[in-house]
Amino acid sequence: MARFDVGDSVSWNSEAGRVSGKIIKIHDSDFEYKGHRRRASPDEPQYEIKSDKTDHIAAHKESALSKNG
């Protein structure tokens, strides 16, 4: 079961440092993302997150994310 919800503010590490954004979609089954097949399941969901600073959309596993207080 997903630990985060759509609309939650989260952060993650990227090559550019710590990035934050809002969850816009939760995947609980495999999906296509930027031309690549991403693995997801109800036990290991993946999240699409829109960056707070840019319009960039990222996809991350739950383990890569921290909820912003």
N, C-alpha and C. Protein backbone atom coordinates (compact mmCIF):
# COMPACT_ATOMS: atom_id res chain seq x y z
N MET A 1 0.84 -1.20 0.00
CA MET A 1 0.00 0.00 0.00
C MET A 1 0.88 1.25 0.00
N ALA A 2 0.48 2.25 -0.77
CA ALA A 2 1.27 3.47 -0.93
C ALA A 2 1.42 4.21 0.40
N ARG A 3 2.63 4.67 0.65
CA ARG A 3 2.93 5.41 1.86
C ARG A 3 2.60 6.89 1.71
N PHE A 4 2.61 7.36 0.45
CA PHE A 4 2.33 8.77 0.16
C PHE A 4 1.05 8.86 -0.66
N ASP A 5 0.44 10.06 -0.69
CA ASP A 5 -0.78 10.30 -1.43
C ASP A 5 -0.56 11.36 -2.49
N VAL A 6 -1.42 11.37 -3.51
CA VAL A 6 -1.39 12.44 -4.50
C VAL A 6 -1.57 13.76 -3.76
N GLY A 7 -0.74 14.74 -4.11
CA GLY A 7 -0.79 16.05 -3.46
C GLY A 7 0.22 16.22 -2.35
N ASP A 8 0.80 15.11 -1.87
CA ASP A 8 1.82 15.21 -0.81
C ASP A 8 3.07 15.92 -1.34
N SER A 9 3.68 16.71 -0.50
CA SER A 9 4.94 17.37 -0.82
C SER A 9 6.07 16.46 -0.34
N VAL A 10 6.97 16.10 -1.27
CA VAL A 10 8.07 15.19 -0.96
C VAL A 10 9.37 15.76 -1.50
N SER A 11 10.49 15.18 -1.08
CA SER A 11 11.79 15.58 -1.61
C SER A 11 12.62 14.34 -1.88
N TRP A 12 13.66 14.51 -2.73
CA TRP A 12 14.54 13.41 -3.11
C TRP A 12 15.88 13.98 -3.54
N ASN A 13 16.89 13.14 -3.55
CA ASN A 13 18.21 13.56 -4.00
C ASN A 13 18.31 13.39 -5.51
N SER A 14 18.90 14.39 -6.17
CA SER A 14 19.16 14.31 -7.61
C SER A 14 20.60 14.74 -7.85
N GLU A 15 21.01 14.69 -9.11
CA GLU A 15 22.37 15.12 -9.44
C GLU A 15 22.58 16.58 -9.06
N ALA A 16 21.51 17.36 -9.07
CA ALA A 16 21.59 18.79 -8.77
C ALA A 16 21.41 19.08 -7.28
N GLY A 17 21.31 18.05 -6.46
CA GLY A 17 21.08 18.25 -5.02
C GLY A 17 19.68 17.86 -4.63
N ARG A 18 19.23 18.35 -3.49
CA ARG A 18 17.91 18.00 -2.97
C ARG A 18 16.83 18.73 -3.77
N VAL A 19 15.82 17.99 -4.22
CA VAL A 19 14.72 18.55 -5.01
C VAL A 19 13.42 18.24 -4.29
N SER A 20 12.47 19.16 -4.39
CA SER A 20 11.16 18.91 -3.79
C SER A 20 10.07 19.11 -4.83
N GLY A 21 8.93 18.48 -4.58
CA GLY A 21 7.81 18.59 -5.50
C GLY A 21 6.57 17.95 -4.90
N LYS A 22 5.50 17.95 -5.71
CA LYS A 22 4.23 17.37 -5.27
C LYS A 22 3.93 16.12 -6.09
N ILE A 23 3.44 15.09 -5.41
CA ILE A 23 3.05 13.86 -6.08
C ILE A 23 1.81 14.12 -6.93
N ILE A 24 1.89 13.74 -8.22
CA ILE A 24 0.75 13.94 -9.12
C ILE A 24 0.11 12.63 -9.56
N LYS A 25 0.84 11.52 -9.39
CA LYS A 25 0.29 10.22 -9.80
C LYS A 25 1.01 9.11 -9.05
N ILE A 26 0.26 8.05 -8.72
CA ILE A 26 0.83 6.87 -8.07
C ILE A 26 0.60 5.67 -8.99
N HIS A 27 1.68 4.94 -9.27
CA HIS A 27 1.58 3.75 -10.10
C HIS A 27 1.72 2.50 -9.22
N ASP A 28 0.76 1.56 -9.34
CA ASP A 28 0.86 0.31 -8.59
C ASP A 28 0.93 -0.88 -9.53
N SER A 29 1.23 -0.60 -10.82
CA SER A 29 1.52 -1.65 -11.80
C SER A 29 2.54 -1.09 -12.78
N ASP A 30 3.17 -1.97 -13.55
CA ASP A 30 4.20 -1.53 -14.49
C ASP A 30 3.65 -0.45 -15.42
N PHE A 31 4.52 0.50 -15.81
CA PHE A 31 4.08 1.59 -16.67
C PHE A 31 5.23 2.08 -17.54
N GLU A 32 4.88 2.79 -18.61
CA GLU A 32 5.88 3.39 -19.50
C GLU A 32 6.16 4.81 -19.01
N TYR A 33 7.45 5.15 -18.93
CA TYR A 33 7.84 6.48 -18.50
C TYR A 33 9.03 6.92 -19.34
N LYS A 34 8.82 7.97 -20.13
CA LYS A 34 9.87 8.51 -21.00
C LYS A 34 10.52 7.42 -21.85
N GLY A 35 9.68 6.55 -22.40
CA GLY A 35 10.16 5.51 -23.30
C GLY A 35 10.74 4.27 -22.64
N HIS A 36 10.67 4.20 -21.31
CA HIS A 36 11.21 3.05 -20.59
C HIS A 36 10.12 2.40 -19.75
N ARG A 37 10.19 1.09 -19.64
CA ARG A 37 9.25 0.35 -18.80
C ARG A 37 9.71 0.46 -17.35
N ARG A 38 8.83 0.92 -16.49
CA ARG A 38 9.15 1.04 -15.06
C ARG A 38 8.35 -0.01 -14.31
N ARG A 39 8.98 -0.64 -13.34
CA ARG A 39 8.33 -1.66 -12.53
C ARG A 39 7.64 -1.01 -11.33
N ALA A 40 6.42 -1.43 -11.08
CA ALA A 40 5.68 -0.97 -9.91
C ALA A 40 4.67 -2.04 -9.54
N SER A 41 4.29 -2.08 -8.27
CA SER A 41 3.30 -3.03 -7.78
C SER A 41 2.62 -2.40 -6.57
N PRO A 42 1.51 -2.98 -6.10
CA PRO A 42 0.88 -2.44 -4.89
C PRO A 42 1.85 -2.41 -3.70
N ASP A 43 2.76 -3.39 -3.61
CA ASP A 43 3.72 -3.43 -2.51
C ASP A 43 4.91 -2.50 -2.73
N GLU A 44 5.21 -2.18 -4.00
CA GLU A 44 6.33 -1.29 -4.33
C GLU A 44 5.89 -0.29 -5.39
N PRO A 45 5.06 0.68 -4.98
CA PRO A 45 4.56 1.67 -5.95
C PRO A 45 5.66 2.62 -6.40
N GLN A 46 5.42 3.27 -7.53
CA GLN A 46 6.29 4.36 -7.98
C GLN A 46 5.42 5.61 -8.09
N TYR A 47 6.07 6.75 -7.93
CA TYR A 47 5.37 8.02 -7.88
C TYR A 47 5.85 8.96 -8.97
N GLU A 48 4.91 9.66 -9.61
CA GLU A 48 5.28 10.76 -10.50
C GLU A 48 5.16 12.03 -9.69
N ILE A 49 6.22 12.84 -9.75
CA ILE A 49 6.30 14.04 -8.92
C ILE A 49 6.64 15.23 -9.81
N LYS A 50 5.90 16.31 -9.65
CA LYS A 50 6.19 17.56 -10.38
C LYS A 50 7.05 18.44 -9.49
N SER A 51 8.21 18.83 -10.01
CA SER A 51 9.15 19.66 -9.27
C SER A 51 8.52 21.00 -8.89
N ASP A 52 8.84 21.48 -7.70
CA ASP A 52 8.35 22.78 -7.25
C ASP A 52 8.99 23.93 -8.05
N LYS A 53 10.23 23.75 -8.50
CA LYS A 53 10.97 24.84 -9.15
C LYS A 53 10.83 24.86 -10.66
N THR A 54 10.58 23.71 -11.27
CA THR A 54 10.44 23.63 -12.73
C THR A 54 9.20 22.81 -13.04
N ASP A 55 8.91 22.65 -14.30
CA ASP A 55 7.78 21.81 -14.70
C ASP A 55 8.20 20.36 -14.91
N HIS A 56 9.43 20.03 -14.51
CA HIS A 56 9.96 18.68 -14.70
C HIS A 56 9.14 17.67 -13.91
N ILE A 57 8.85 16.53 -14.56
CA ILE A 57 8.16 15.42 -13.90
C ILE A 57 9.18 14.30 -13.70
N ALA A 58 9.27 13.82 -12.48
CA ALA A 58 10.19 12.73 -12.15
C ALA A 58 9.38 11.53 -11.69
N ALA A 59 9.95 10.34 -11.85
CA ALA A 59 9.32 9.11 -11.34
C ALA A 59 10.31 8.46 -10.38
N HIS A 60 9.84 8.15 -9.17
CA HIS A 60 10.71 7.57 -8.16
C HIS A 60 10.02 6.47 -7.38
N LYS A 61 10.83 5.56 -6.88
CA LYS A 61 10.36 4.56 -5.95
C LYS A 61 10.13 5.21 -4.60
N GLU A 62 9.31 4.57 -3.80
CA GLU A 62 8.99 5.10 -2.48
C GLU A 62 10.24 5.29 -1.61
N SER A 63 11.19 4.37 -1.72
CA SER A 63 12.39 4.42 -0.88
C SER A 63 13.26 5.64 -1.14
N ALA A 64 13.08 6.29 -2.31
CA ALA A 64 13.89 7.47 -2.65
C ALA A 64 13.29 8.77 -2.12
N LEU A 65 12.06 8.69 -1.59
CA LEU A 65 11.34 9.90 -1.21
C LEU A 65 11.27 10.12 0.29
N SER A 66 11.23 11.39 0.66
CA SER A 66 10.98 11.80 2.05
C SER A 66 9.84 12.79 2.03
N LYS A 67 8.91 12.65 2.98
CA LYS A 67 7.79 13.59 3.05
C LYS A 67 8.26 14.90 3.68
N ASN A 68 7.88 16.01 3.05
CA ASN A 68 8.22 17.32 3.59
C ASN A 68 7.22 17.68 4.68
N GLY A 69 7.76 18.22 5.77
CA GLY A 69 6.93 18.56 6.92
C GLY A 69 6.12 19.76 6.69
